[in-house]
C-alpha atoms as a PDB file:
ATOM      1  CA  MET A   1      65.142 100.686   6.515  1.00  0.00           C
ATOM      2  CA  LYS A   2      67.573 100.201   3.675  1.00  0.00           C
ATOM      3  CA  SER A   3      68.175  96.805   1.889  1.00  0.00           C
ATOM      4  CA  CYS A   4      70.202  95.507  -0.841  1.00  0.00           C
ATOM      5  CA  ILE A   5      68.090  93.872  -3.800  1.00  0.00           C
ATOM      6  CA  VAL A   6      68.470  92.397  -7.028  1.00  0.00           C
ATOM      7  CA  THR A   7      66.864  94.592  -9.206  1.00  0.00           C
ATOM      8  CA  GLY A   8      67.589  92.956 -12.583  1.00  0.00           C
ATOM      9  CA  PRO A   9      70.506  90.685 -14.414  1.00  0.00           C
ATOM     10  CA  ASP A  10      73.486  92.157 -13.143  1.00  0.00           C
ATOM     11  CA  LYS A  11      71.891  94.832 -11.511  1.00  0.00           C
ATOM     12  CA  THR A  12      71.502  95.404  -7.713  1.00  0.00           C
ATOM     13  CA  ASP A  13      70.443  98.739  -5.536  1.00  0.00           C
ATOM     14  CA  VAL A  14      69.882  99.851  -2.312  1.00  0.00           C
ATOM     15  CA  VAL A  15      66.402 100.867  -1.581  1.00  0.00           C
ATOM     16  CA  GLU A  16      64.381 102.157   1.601  1.00  0.00           C
ATOM     17  CA  GLY A  17      61.527 100.275   2.825  1.00  0.00           C
ATOM     18  CA  PRO A  18      59.661  99.990   6.215  1.00  0.00           C
ATOM     19  CA  THR A  19      60.968  98.192   9.092  1.00  0.00           C
ATOM     20  CA  PRO A  20      59.351  94.892  10.075  1.00  0.00           C
ATOM     21  CA  VAL A  21      56.733  95.218  12.861  1.00  0.00           C
ATOM     22  CA  THR A  22      57.589  92.792  15.486  1.00  0.00           C
ATOM     23  CA  GLY A  23      54.736  90.529  16.519  1.00  0.00           C
ATOM     24  CA  PRO A  24      54.331  88.667  19.968  1.00  0.00           C
ATOM     25  CA  ARG A  25      56.202  85.429  18.806  1.00  0.00           C
ATOM     26  CA  ASP A  26      58.787  87.618  16.710  1.00  0.00           C
ATOM     27  CA  VAL A  27      62.124  88.769  17.444  1.00  0.00           C
ATOM     28  CA  LEU A  28      63.812  92.253  15.350  1.00  0.00           C
ATOM     29  CA  VAL A  29      67.119  91.987  14.925  1.00  0.00           C
ATOM     30  CA  ARG A  30      69.474  94.888  13.922  1.00  0.00           C
ATOM     31  CA  ILE A  31      72.076  93.184  11.337  1.00  0.00           C
ATOM     32  CA  ARG A  32      75.375  93.915  12.297  1.00  0.00           C
ATOM     33  CA  ALA A  33      77.441  91.477   9.632  1.00  0.00           C
ATOM     34  CA  CYS A  34      76.177  89.474   6.446  1.00  0.00           C
ATOM     35  CA  GLY A  35      78.759  87.250   4.553  1.00  0.00           C
ATOM     36  CA  ILE A  36      78.479  86.989   0.662  1.00  0.00           C
ATOM     37  CA  CYS A  37      78.243  83.505  -0.791  1.00  0.00           C
ATOM     38  CA  GLY A  38      79.085  82.652  -4.284  1.00  0.00           C
ATOM     39  CA  SER A  39      75.175  81.937  -4.722  1.00  0.00           C
ATOM     40  CA  ASP A  40      74.587  85.865  -4.400  1.00  0.00           C
ATOM     41  CA  SER A  41      76.690  86.555  -7.443  1.00  0.00           C
ATOM     42  CA  MET A  42      74.504  83.731  -9.353  1.00  0.00           C
ATOM     43  CA  TYR A  43      71.476  85.332  -7.743  1.00  0.00           C
ATOM     44  CA  ILE A  44      72.440  88.782  -9.430  1.00  0.00           C
ATOM     45  CA  ALA A  45      73.654  87.505 -12.893  1.00  0.00           C
ATOM     46  CA  ILE A  46      70.161  85.910 -13.339  1.00  0.00           C
ATOM     47  CA  GLY A  47      68.162  88.700 -12.152  1.00  0.00           C
ATOM     48  CA  GLY A  48      66.842  87.180  -8.951  1.00  0.00           C
ATOM     49  CA  LEU A  49      65.021  83.833  -8.088  1.00  0.00           C
ATOM     50  CA  PRO A  50      61.007  83.657  -8.774  1.00  0.00           C
ATOM     51  CA  PRO A  51      58.940  84.854  -7.720  1.00  0.00           C
ATOM     52  CA  ARG A  52      61.106  87.846  -6.793  1.00  0.00           C
ATOM     53  CA  GLN A  53      62.888  88.225 -10.117  1.00  0.00           C
ATOM     54  CA  GLY A  54      63.521  92.376 -10.304  1.00  0.00           C
ATOM     55  CA  HIS A  55      63.015  92.446  -6.634  1.00  0.00           C
ATOM     56  CA  MET A  56      64.669  89.836  -4.539  1.00  0.00           C
ATOM     57  CA  PRO A  57      66.526  90.710  -1.281  1.00  0.00           C
ATOM     58  CA  LEU A  58      70.147  89.452  -0.868  1.00  0.00           C
ATOM     59  CA  GLY A  59      71.890  88.155   2.088  1.00  0.00           C
ATOM     60  CA  HIS A  60      71.595  84.594   3.493  1.00  0.00           C
ATOM     61  CA  GLU A  61      74.587  84.570   6.041  1.00  0.00           C
ATOM     62  CA  PRO A  62      73.640  87.402   8.844  1.00  0.00           C
ATOM     63  CA  ALA A  63      74.462  87.925  12.218  1.00  0.00           C
ATOM     64  CA  GLY A  64      73.123  90.868  14.516  1.00  0.00           C
ATOM     65  CA  GLU A  65      71.993  92.624  17.625  1.00  0.00           C
ATOM     66  CA  VAL A  66      68.719  92.135  18.770  1.00  0.00           C
ATOM     67  CA  VAL A  67      66.445  95.154  19.171  1.00  0.00           C
ATOM     68  CA  GLU A  68      62.710  94.169  19.909  1.00  0.00           C
ATOM     69  CA  VAL A  69      61.410  91.086  21.490  1.00  0.00           C
ATOM     70  CA  GLY A  70      57.697  89.969  21.350  1.00  0.00           C
ATOM     71  CA  ALA A  71      56.210  89.137  24.428  1.00  0.00           C
ATOM     72  CA  GLU A  72      55.700  85.255  23.987  1.00  0.00           C
ATOM     73  CA  VAL A  73      59.443  84.576  23.141  1.00  0.00           C
ATOM     74  CA  ALA A  74      61.058  83.279  25.370  1.00  0.00           C
ATOM     75  CA  ASP A  75      65.170  83.058  26.543  1.00  0.00           C
ATOM     76  CA  VAL A  76      65.953  86.023  24.129  1.00  0.00           C
ATOM     77  CA  ARG A  77      66.783  89.652  25.526  1.00  0.00           C
ATOM     78  CA  VAL A  78      67.027  93.222  23.886  1.00  0.00           C
ATOM     79  CA  GLY A  79      70.842  93.373  23.415  1.00  0.00           C
ATOM     80  CA  ASP A  80      71.501  89.847  22.682  1.00  0.00           C
ATOM     81  CA  HIS A  81      73.814  88.945  20.009  1.00  0.00           C
ATOM     82  CA  VAL A  82      72.661  86.233  17.760  1.00  0.00           C
ATOM     83  CA  VAL A  83      73.256  84.185  14.684  1.00  0.00           C
ATOM     84  CA  ILE A  84      70.449  83.523  12.453  1.00  0.00           C
ATOM     85  CA  ASN A  85      69.207  80.636  10.655  1.00  0.00           C
ATOM     86  CA  PRO A  86      68.257  81.486   6.927  1.00  0.00           C
ATOM     87  CA  MET A  87      66.432  78.085   6.043  1.00  0.00           C
ATOM     88  CA  ALA A  88      63.948  78.189   9.407  1.00  0.00           C
ATOM     89  CA  ALA A  89      62.197  81.475   8.150  1.00  0.00           C
ATOM     90  CA  PRO A  90      58.621  80.951   7.819  1.00  0.00           C
ATOM     91  CA  GLY A  91      57.776  83.306   5.105  1.00  0.00           C
ATOM     92  CA  GLY A  92      60.774  81.806   2.785  1.00  0.00           C
ATOM     93  CA  ILE A  93      64.567  81.458   2.998  1.00  0.00           C
ATOM     94  CA  ILE A  94      66.265  84.551   3.772  1.00  0.00           C
ATOM     95  CA  GLY A  95      68.290  85.954   1.160  1.00  0.00           C
ATOM     96  CA  ASN A  96      67.313  82.927  -0.955  1.00  0.00           C
ATOM     97  CA  GLY A  97      64.310  84.049  -2.619  1.00  0.00           C
ATOM     98  CA  GLY A  98      62.297  85.077   0.520  1.00  0.00           C
ATOM     99  CA  PRO A  99      60.721  88.207   1.312  1.00  0.00           C
ATOM    100  CA  GLN A 100      63.850  89.405   3.349  1.00  0.00           C
ATOM    101  CA  GLY A 101      67.479  89.373   2.699  1.00  0.00           C
ATOM    102  CA  GLY A 102      70.314  89.500   5.661  1.00  0.00           C
ATOM    103  CA  LEU A 103      71.815  92.550   3.529  1.00  0.00           C
ATOM    104  CA  SER A 104      69.429  94.946   5.325  1.00  0.00           C
ATOM    105  CA  GLU A 105      69.371  96.944   8.369  1.00  0.00           C
ATOM    106  CA  TYR A 106      66.629  94.840  10.005  1.00  0.00           C
ATOM    107  CA  LEU A 107      65.265  91.259  10.051  1.00  0.00           C
ATOM    108  CA  LEU A 108      62.323  90.146  11.567  1.00  0.00           C
ATOM    109  CA  ILE A 109      62.878  86.585  13.049  1.00  0.00           C
ATOM    110  CA  GLU A 110      59.379  85.195  13.087  1.00  0.00           C
ATOM    111  CA  ASP A 111      58.102  82.447  15.220  1.00  0.00           C
ATOM    112  CA  ALA A 112      61.907  82.932  17.143  1.00  0.00           C
ATOM    113  CA  ARG A 113      62.966  80.146  18.806  1.00  0.00           C
ATOM    114  CA  ARG A 114      66.704  79.205  20.146  1.00  0.00           C
ATOM    115  CA  GLY A 115      68.182  76.555  18.611  1.00  0.00           C
ATOM    116  CA  VAL A 116      65.828  76.666  15.375  1.00  0.00           C
ATOM    117  CA  SER A 117      65.702  80.105  14.152  1.00  0.00           C
ATOM    118  CA  LEU A 118      68.160  81.745  16.040  1.00  0.00           C
ATOM    119  CA  GLU A 119      70.805  81.416  18.726  1.00  0.00           C
ATOM    120  CA  VAL A 120      72.508  83.738  21.289  1.00  0.00           C
ATOM    121  CA  ILE A 121      76.430  83.936  21.132  1.00  0.00           C
ATOM    122  CA  PRO A 122      78.579  85.568  23.829  1.00  0.00           C
ATOM    123  CA  ASP A 123      79.416  89.379  23.315  1.00  0.00           C
ATOM    124  CA  HIS A 124      83.169  88.951  22.573  1.00  0.00           C
ATOM    125  CA  ILE A 125      82.554  87.080  19.361  1.00  0.00           C
ATOM    126  CA  PRO A 126      82.763  89.584  16.676  1.00  0.00           C
ATOM    127  CA  PHE A 127      79.713  90.015  14.290  1.00  0.00           C
ATOM    128  CA  GLU A 128      81.807  89.299  10.992  1.00  0.00           C
ATOM    129  CA  VAL A 129      82.808  86.124  12.487  1.00  0.00           C
ATOM    130  CA  ALA A 130      79.249  85.174  13.784  1.00  0.00           C
ATOM    131  CA  ALA A 131      78.218  85.497  10.401  1.00  0.00           C
ATOM    132  CA  LEU A 132      80.404  82.553   9.261  1.00  0.00           C
ATOM    133  CA  ASN A 133      77.850  80.093  10.879  1.00  0.00           C
ATOM    134  CA  GLU A 134      75.890  79.822   7.958  1.00  0.00           C
ATOM    135  CA  PRO A 135      78.555  78.859   5.337  1.00  0.00           C
ATOM    136  CA  MET A 136      80.438  76.855   7.950  1.00  0.00           C
ATOM    137  CA  ALA A 137      77.237  74.960   8.497  1.00  0.00           C
ATOM    138  CA  VAL A 138      77.453  74.041   4.791  1.00  0.00           C
ATOM    139  CA  ALA A 139      81.086  73.011   5.559  1.00  0.00           C
ATOM    140  CA  ARG A 140      79.955  70.805   8.857  1.00  0.00           C
ATOM    141  CA  HIS A 141      77.365  68.957   6.469  1.00  0.00           C
ATOM    142  CA  ALA A 142      79.921  68.055   3.876  1.00  0.00           C
ATOM    143  CA  VAL A 143      81.813  66.431   6.834  1.00  0.00           C
ATOM    144  CA  ASN A 144      79.398  64.909   8.143  1.00  0.00           C
ATOM    145  CA  ARG A 145      78.232  62.882   5.021  1.00  0.00           C
ATOM    146  CA  CYS A 146      81.565  61.516   4.816  1.00  0.00           C
ATOM    147  CA  ARG A 147      81.181  60.037   8.323  1.00  0.00           C
ATOM    148  CA  PRO A 148      84.585  60.475   9.367  1.00  0.00           C
ATOM    149  CA  ALA A 149      86.330  58.171  11.806  1.00  0.00           C
ATOM    150  CA  ALA A 150      89.153  59.664  14.159  1.00  0.00           C
ATOM    151  CA  THR A 151      91.455  57.305  12.643  1.00  0.00           C
ATOM    152  CA  ASP A 152      90.701  58.576   8.921  1.00  0.00           C
ATOM    153  CA  LYS A 153      93.312  60.402   6.744  1.00  0.00           C
ATOM    154  CA  VAL A 154      91.439  63.019   4.465  1.00  0.00           C
ATOM    155  CA  LEU A 155      92.421  65.159   1.880  1.00  0.00           C
ATOM    156  CA  ILE A 156      90.331  68.317   1.006  1.00  0.00           C
ATOM    157  CA  PHE A 157      90.155  69.833  -2.428  1.00  0.00           C
ATOM    158  CA  GLY A 158      90.287  73.794  -2.310  1.00  0.00           C
ATOM    159  CA  ALA A 159      91.118  76.047   0.534  1.00  0.00           C
ATOM    160  CA  GLY A 160      88.469  78.403   0.169  1.00  0.00           C
ATOM    161  CA  PRO A 161      86.010  79.365   2.722  1.00  0.00           C
ATOM    162  CA  ILE A 162      84.060  76.143   2.604  1.00  0.00           C
ATOM    163  CA  GLY A 163      87.357  74.139   2.367  1.00  0.00           C
ATOM    164  CA  LEU A 164      88.506  75.758   5.099  1.00  0.00           C
ATOM    165  CA  GLY A 165      85.417  75.137   7.072  1.00  0.00           C
ATOM    166  CA  ALA A 166      85.671  71.773   6.461  1.00  0.00           C
ATOM    167  CA  VAL A 167      89.079  71.558   7.911  1.00  0.00           C
ATOM    168  CA  LEU A 168      87.909  72.810  11.334  1.00  0.00           C
ATOM    169  CA  ALA A 169      84.830  70.669  11.036  1.00  0.00           C
ATOM    170  CA  PHE A 170      87.148  67.364  10.405  1.00  0.00           C
ATOM    171  CA  LYS A 171      89.688  68.741  13.277  1.00  0.00           C
ATOM    172  CA  SER A 172      86.461  69.234  15.510  1.00  0.00           C
ATOM    173  CA  VAL A 173      85.609  65.392  15.374  1.00  0.00           C
ATOM    174  CA  GLY A 174      88.994  64.419  16.066  1.00  0.00           C
ATOM    175  CA  VAL A 175      90.106  63.392  12.450  1.00  0.00           C
ATOM    176  CA  GLN A 176      93.783  62.219  12.672  1.00  0.00           C
ATOM    177  CA  HIS A 177      95.391  63.762   9.704  1.00  0.00           C
ATOM    178  CA  VAL A 178      94.068  66.377   7.220  1.00  0.00           C
ATOM    179  CA  THR A 179      95.644  67.575   4.132  1.00  0.00           C
ATOM    180  CA  VAL A 180      94.555  70.398   1.820  1.00  0.00           C
ATOM    181  CA  ALA A 181      95.277  70.739  -2.105  1.00  0.00           C
ATOM    182  CA  ASP A 182      95.076  74.078  -3.666  1.00  0.00           C
ATOM    183  CA  VAL A 183      96.992  76.145  -6.509  1.00  0.00           C
ATOM    184  CA  ILE A 184      97.205  79.419  -4.556  1.00  0.00           C
ATOM    185  CA  ALA A 185     100.185  79.467  -1.942  1.00  0.00           C
ATOM    186  CA  SER A 186      98.325  82.112   0.181  1.00  0.00           C
ATOM    187  CA  ARG A 187      95.209  79.666   0.915  1.00  0.00           C
ATOM    188  CA  LEU A 188      97.640  76.911   1.696  1.00  0.00           C
ATOM    189  CA  GLU A 189      99.428  78.784   4.281  1.00  0.00           C
ATOM    190  CA  LYS A 190      95.745  79.728   5.762  1.00  0.00           C
ATOM    191  CA  ALA A 191      95.156  76.300   5.564  1.00  0.00           C
ATOM    192  CA  ARG A 192      98.118  75.419   7.848  1.00  0.00           C
ATOM    193  CA  ALA A 193      97.300  78.189  10.189  1.00  0.00           C
ATOM    194  CA  ILE A 194      93.690  77.015  11.014  1.00  0.00           C
ATOM    195  CA  GLY A 195      95.059  73.381  11.467  1.00  0.00           C
ATOM    196  CA  ALA A 196      95.710  71.226   8.565  1.00  0.00           C
ATOM    197  CA  ASP A 197      98.412  68.882   9.218  1.00  0.00           C
ATOM    198  CA  ALA A 198      99.692  69.183   5.742  1.00  0.00           C
ATOM    199  CA  VAL A 199      99.058  70.871   2.370  1.00  0.00           C
ATOM    200  CA  ILE A 200      99.510  70.121  -1.287  1.00  0.00           C
ATOM    201  CA  ASP A 201     100.655  72.646  -3.878  1.00  0.00           C
ATOM    202  CA  SER A 202      98.501  70.874  -6.738  1.00  0.00           C
ATOM    203  CA  SER A 203      99.690  73.221  -9.444  1.00  0.00           C
ATOM    204  CA  THR A 204     103.524  72.134  -8.984  1.00  0.00           C
ATOM    205  CA  GLU A 205     103.098  68.395  -6.950  1.00  0.00           C
ATOM    206  CA  ASN A 206     102.017  65.240  -7.993  1.00  0.00           C
ATOM    207  CA  VAL A 207      99.027  65.122  -5.557  1.00  0.00           C
ATOM    208  CA  ARG A 208      98.787  61.066  -5.527  1.00  0.00           C
ATOM    209  CA  GLU A 209     102.615  60.451  -5.324  1.00  0.00           C
ATOM    210  CA  ARG A 210     102.433  63.342  -2.300  1.00  0.00           C
ATOM    211  CA  LEU A 211      99.728  61.843  -0.505  1.00  0.00           C
ATOM    212  CA  ILE A 212     101.180  57.825  -0.672  1.00  0.00           C
ATOM    213  CA  GLU A 213     104.087  59.985   0.849  1.00  0.00           C
ATOM    214  CA  LEU A 214     101.725  61.569   3.767  1.00  0.00           C
ATOM    215  CA  HIS A 215      99.387  58.955   4.233  1.00  0.00           C
ATOM    216  CA  GLY A 216     101.114  55.835   3.267  1.00  0.00           C
ATOM    217  CA  GLU A 217     100.198  53.138   0.337  1.00  0.00           C
ATOM    218  CA  GLY A 218      96.604  52.012   0.236  1.00  0.00           C
ATOM    219  CA  THR A 219      95.159  48.552  -0.581  1.00  0.00           C
ATOM    220  CA  ALA A 220      93.475  48.153  -3.833  1.00  0.00           C
ATOM    221  CA  MET A 221      92.976  45.957  -6.826  1.00  0.00           C
ATOM    222  CA  PHE A 222      95.407  48.181  -8.876  1.00  0.00           C
ATOM    223  CA  PRO A 223      98.651  49.480  -7.062  1.00  0.00           C
ATOM    224  CA  GLY A 224      99.810  52.810  -6.738  1.00  0.00           C
ATOM    225  CA  LYS A 225      96.978  54.196  -4.679  1.00  0.00           C
ATOM    226  CA  ALA A 226      97.177  56.324  -1.300  1.00  0.00           C
ATOM    227  CA  ASP A 227      95.902  55.106   1.862  1.00  0.00           C
ATOM    228  CA  THR A 228      93.581  58.037   2.385  1.00  0.00           C
ATOM    229  CA  ASP A 229      90.167  57.130   3.557  1.00  0.00           C
ATOM    230  CA  ILE A 230      88.134  60.326   2.602  1.00  0.00           C
ATOM    231  CA  TYR A 231      88.579  62.840  -0.462  1.00  0.00           C
ATOM    232  CA  LEU A 232      86.231  66.263  -0.197  1.00  0.00           C
ATOM    233  CA  ASP A 233      85.985  68.187  -3.291  1.00  0.00           C
ATOM    234  CA  ALA A 234      85.354  71.922  -2.389  1.00  0.00           C
ATOM    235  CA  ALA A 235      86.861  73.336  -5.279  1.00  0.00           C
ATOM    236  CA  GLY A 236      84.489  72.280  -8.064  1.00  0.00           C
ATOM    237  CA  VAL A 237      86.806  71.488 -11.065  1.00  0.00           C
ATOM    238  CA  PRO A 238      86.810  68.222 -13.114  1.00  0.00           C
ATOM    239  CA  ALA A 239      90.148  67.822 -12.238  1.00  0.00           C
ATOM    240  CA  VAL A 240      89.446  67.186  -8.774  1.00  0.00           C
ATOM    241  CA  ILE A 241      87.244  64.154  -9.196  1.00  0.00           C
ATOM    242  CA  ASP A 242      89.679  62.707 -11.671  1.00  0.00           C
ATOM    243  CA  THR A 243      92.833  62.912  -8.997  1.00  0.00           C
ATOM    244  CA  ALA A 244      90.418  61.432  -6.237  1.00  0.00           C
ATOM    245  CA  LEU A 245      89.375  58.515  -8.328  1.00  0.00           C
ATOM    246  CA  ALA A 246      92.629  57.928  -9.428  1.00  0.00           C
ATOM    247  CA  SER A 247      94.151  58.029  -6.144  1.00  0.00           C
ATOM    248  CA  ALA A 248      91.251  56.166  -3.594  1.00  0.00           C
ATOM    249  CA  LYS A 249      92.055  52.953  -2.315  1.00  0.00           C
ATOM    250  CA  THR A 250      89.376  50.114  -1.671  1.00  0.00           C
ATOM    251  CA  GLY A 251      86.691  51.595   0.344  1.00  0.00           C
ATOM    252  CA  ALA A 252      87.296  55.365  -0.003  1.00  0.00           C
ATOM    253  CA  THR A 253      84.861  57.953   0.337  1.00  0.00           C
ATOM    254  CA  VAL A 254      84.639  61.095  -2.428  1.00  0.00           C
ATOM    255  CA  GLY A 255      82.619  63.800  -0.931  1.00  0.00           C
ATOM    256  CA  VAL A 256      81.443  66.633  -3.069  1.00  0.00           C
ATOM    257  CA  VAL A 257      80.277  69.874  -1.924  1.00  0.00           C
ATOM    258  CA  ALA A 258      81.514  72.490  -4.366  1.00  0.00           C
ATOM    259  CA  VAL A 259      79.295  73.370  -7.283  1.00  0.00           C
ATOM    260  CA  HIS A 260      80.145  71.840 -10.534  1.00  0.00           C
ATOM    261  CA  LYS A 261      78.832  74.006 -13.349  1.00  0.00           C
ATOM    262  CA  GLN A 262      79.460  71.661 -16.264  1.00  0.00           C
ATOM    263  CA  PRO A 263      78.774  67.709 -16.115  1.00  0.00           C
ATOM    264  CA  VAL A 264      81.818  65.692 -15.161  1.00  0.00           C
ATOM    265  CA  SER A 265      82.687  62.682 -16.273  1.00  0.00           C
ATOM    266  CA  VAL A 266      83.434  59.884 -13.955  1.00  0.00           C
ATOM    267  CA  ASP A 267      85.546  56.708 -14.427  1.00  0.00           C
ATOM    268  CA  PHE A 268      82.957  54.190 -13.212  1.00  0.00           C
ATOM    269  CA  VAL A 269      85.548  51.301 -13.933  1.00  0.00           C
ATOM    270  CA  THR A 270      87.500  52.558 -10.780  1.00  0.00           C
ATOM    271  CA  VAL A 271      84.754  53.447  -8.839  1.00  0.00           C
ATOM    272  CA  MET A 272      83.666  49.731  -9.237  1.00  0.00           C
ATOM    273  CA  SER A 273      86.891  48.096  -8.721  1.00  0.00           C
ATOM    274  CA  SER A 274      88.154  50.201  -5.803  1.00  0.00           C
ATOM    275  CA  GLU A 275      84.330  50.341  -4.484  1.00  0.00           C
ATOM    276  CA  VAL A 276      84.421  54.101  -3.892  1.00  0.00           C
ATOM    277  CA  SER A 277      81.413  55.820  -2.349  1.00  0.00           C
ATOM    278  CA  ILE A 278      80.630  59.045  -3.666  1.00  0.00           C
ATOM    279  CA  VAL A 279      78.532  61.137  -1.562  1.00  0.00           C
ATOM    280  CA  GLY A 280      76.878  64.832  -2.589  1.00  0.00           C
ATOM    281  CA  SER A 281      76.193  67.511   0.192  1.00  0.00           C
ATOM    282  CA  MET A 282      74.289  70.616   0.118  1.00  0.00           C
ATOM    283  CA  GLY A 283      73.141  72.937   2.864  1.00  0.00           C
ATOM    284  CA  TYR A 284      72.597  71.689   6.438  1.00  0.00           C
ATOM    285  CA  PRO A 285      69.711  70.077   7.454  1.00  0.00           C
ATOM    286  CA  GLU A 286      70.702  69.576  10.851  1.00  0.00           C
ATOM    287  CA  GLU A 287      74.040  71.288  11.262  1.00  0.00           C
ATOM    288  CA  PHE A 288      73.258  75.205  11.412  1.00  0.00           C
ATOM    289  CA  PHE A 289      73.669  75.034  15.422  1.00  0.00           C
ATOM    290  CA  GLU A 290      75.951  72.213  15.635  1.00  0.00           C
ATOM    291  CA  VAL A 291      78.730  74.283  14.351  1.00  0.00           C
ATOM    292  CA  THR A 292      77.478  77.565  16.623  1.00  0.00           C
ATOM    293  CA  ALA A 293      79.634  75.889  19.837  1.00  0.00           C
ATOM    294  CA  ASP A 294      82.640  75.521  17.971  1.00  0.00           C
ATOM    295  CA  LEU A 295      82.681  78.669  16.122  1.00  0.00           C
ATOM    296  CA  VAL A 296      82.508  80.081  19.669  1.00  0.00           C
ATOM    297  CA  ALA A 297      85.154  78.332  21.151  1.00  0.00           C
ATOM    298  CA  ASN A 298      87.286  78.818  18.106  1.00  0.00           C
ATOM    299  CA  TRP A 299      86.295  82.329  16.824  1.00  0.00           C
ATOM    300  CA  GLN A 300      90.082  83.240  16.197  1.00  0.00           C
ATOM    301  CA  LYS A 301      90.393  80.459  13.706  1.00  0.00           C
ATOM    302  CA  TYR A 302      87.153  81.039  12.041  1.00  0.00           C
ATOM    303  CA  ALA A 303      88.212  84.861  11.701  1.00  0.00           C
ATOM    304  CA  MET A 304      91.188  83.935   9.454  1.00  0.00           C
ATOM    305  CA  ILE A 305      88.733  82.699   6.751  1.00  0.00           C
ATOM    306  CA  ILE A 306      87.443  86.262   6.452  1.00  0.00           C
ATOM    307  CA  SER A 307      89.839  87.822   3.528  1.00  0.00           C
ATOM    308  CA  HIS A 308      87.618  91.323   3.363  1.00  0.00           C
ATOM    309  CA  ALA A 309      85.450  93.107   5.522  1.00  0.00           C
ATOM    310  CA  ILE A 310      83.565  95.936   3.915  1.00  0.00           C
ATOM    311  CA  PRO A 311      80.897  98.415   5.181  1.00  0.00           C
ATOM    312  CA  PHE A 312      77.603  98.067   4.193  1.00  0.00           C
ATOM    313  CA  ALA A 313      77.667 101.874   2.653  1.00  0.00           C
ATOM    314  CA  ASP A 314      79.967 100.160   0.289  1.00  0.00           C
ATOM    315  CA  VAL A 315      78.043  97.318  -0.369  1.00  0.00           C
ATOM    316  CA  ALA A 316      78.012  97.741  -4.461  1.00  0.00           C
ATOM    317  CA  THR A 317      82.095  97.366  -3.974  1.00  0.00           C
ATOM    318  CA  ALA A 318      81.722  94.120  -2.032  1.00  0.00           C
ATOM    319  CA  LEU A 319      79.394  92.464  -4.280  1.00  0.00           C
ATOM    320  CA  ALA A 320      81.367  93.538  -7.053  1.00  0.00           C
ATOM    321  CA  LYS A 321      84.720  92.136  -5.710  1.00  0.00           C
ATOM    322  CA  ALA A 322      82.642  88.808  -4.396  1.00  0.00           C
ATOM    323  CA  GLY A 323      81.693  88.411  -8.345  1.00  0.00           C
ATOM    324  CA  THR A 324      85.198  89.007  -9.468  1.00  0.00           C
ATOM    325  CA  PRO A 325      87.306  85.313  -9.869  1.00  0.00           C
ATOM    326  CA  GLY A 326      90.546  85.661  -7.777  1.00  0.00           C
ATOM    327  CA  ALA A 327      89.681  89.326  -6.141  1.00  0.00           C
ATOM    328  CA  ALA A 328      88.917  87.977  -2.604  1.00  0.00           C
ATOM    329  CA  ASP A 329      88.207  84.647  -0.607  1.00  0.00           C
ATOM    330  CA  LYS A 330      85.443  85.317   1.917  1.00  0.00           C
ATOM    331  CA  ILE A 331      84.136  89.109   2.164  1.00  0.00           C
ATOM    332  CA  VAL A 332      81.737  90.036   5.186  1.00  0.00           C
ATOM    333  CA  VAL A 333      79.814  93.019   4.967  1.00  0.00           C
ATOM    334  CA  THR A 334      79.588  95.011   8.333  1.00  0.00           C
ATOM    335  CA  ARG A 335      77.463  97.582  10.166  1.00  0.00           C
ATOM    336  CA  ASP A 336      78.188  99.728  12.869  1.00  0.00           C
END
């Protein structure tokens, strides 16, 4: 089978290797779609993760079709369409330093169990949408970390894939009002299309003033704060933290799911005076299959997150585009 691997710093290749052998408790999946994550570009830049630097399989957002089922596996059948939890692989995280990657023709799902390592989805869900399950679980965990209530008013910074996934996640738990801020008009249009109640173009609008118009003025030691309950950073730029803290009322929560590549200064006087809670989020300890049902129910909205679907034959093009700032929002590599 063919697999895309990191072969060195800034180098990838598609290599031939043996198709995995299915054991009695395993399932073999033919991969039909795999998303590309920002972390994939990082792995390529550094030449892979130890101990597989120089030969690291890529891809941790896979979905596919079951082609072989071990004799001891229950509730999974040949022909089932499945989403795959890369974190549950016993041999190492799929596409994150483990021996397998989702940008391959086949994946062996060892010790296959529904609701743990994989889940069956209806056949009408496009594979490229199913491949969003992993990044959408990242977004769902970030939302859960913020502990939203139905009456909350929320601002999400960044309308990339995780920010858009957070819109869907906040709405799925019944949050009253979700606003999205970004500097790219097309992303803001997409945020509205999938369910955001309002958007802010932070390149031309004053975010704090606009929030007060949308959410009202909040109670705080110092005046001029917005009545926004939750701020979620899905952008990863220092100005987001500054703006959130400058706007935060007493008791507000600031969640951070974006990766900041440099240290960020924090105004702790504001944190103290407004008693702001700052929460970090990474991965999806329990959310992978929590998001599956909503993705199935609302797949047309999730489909809008995908900006490019590129065939596996052009995987090098897909990786290059994903690694070029501004070239794409969400790329999924597909296979017929």
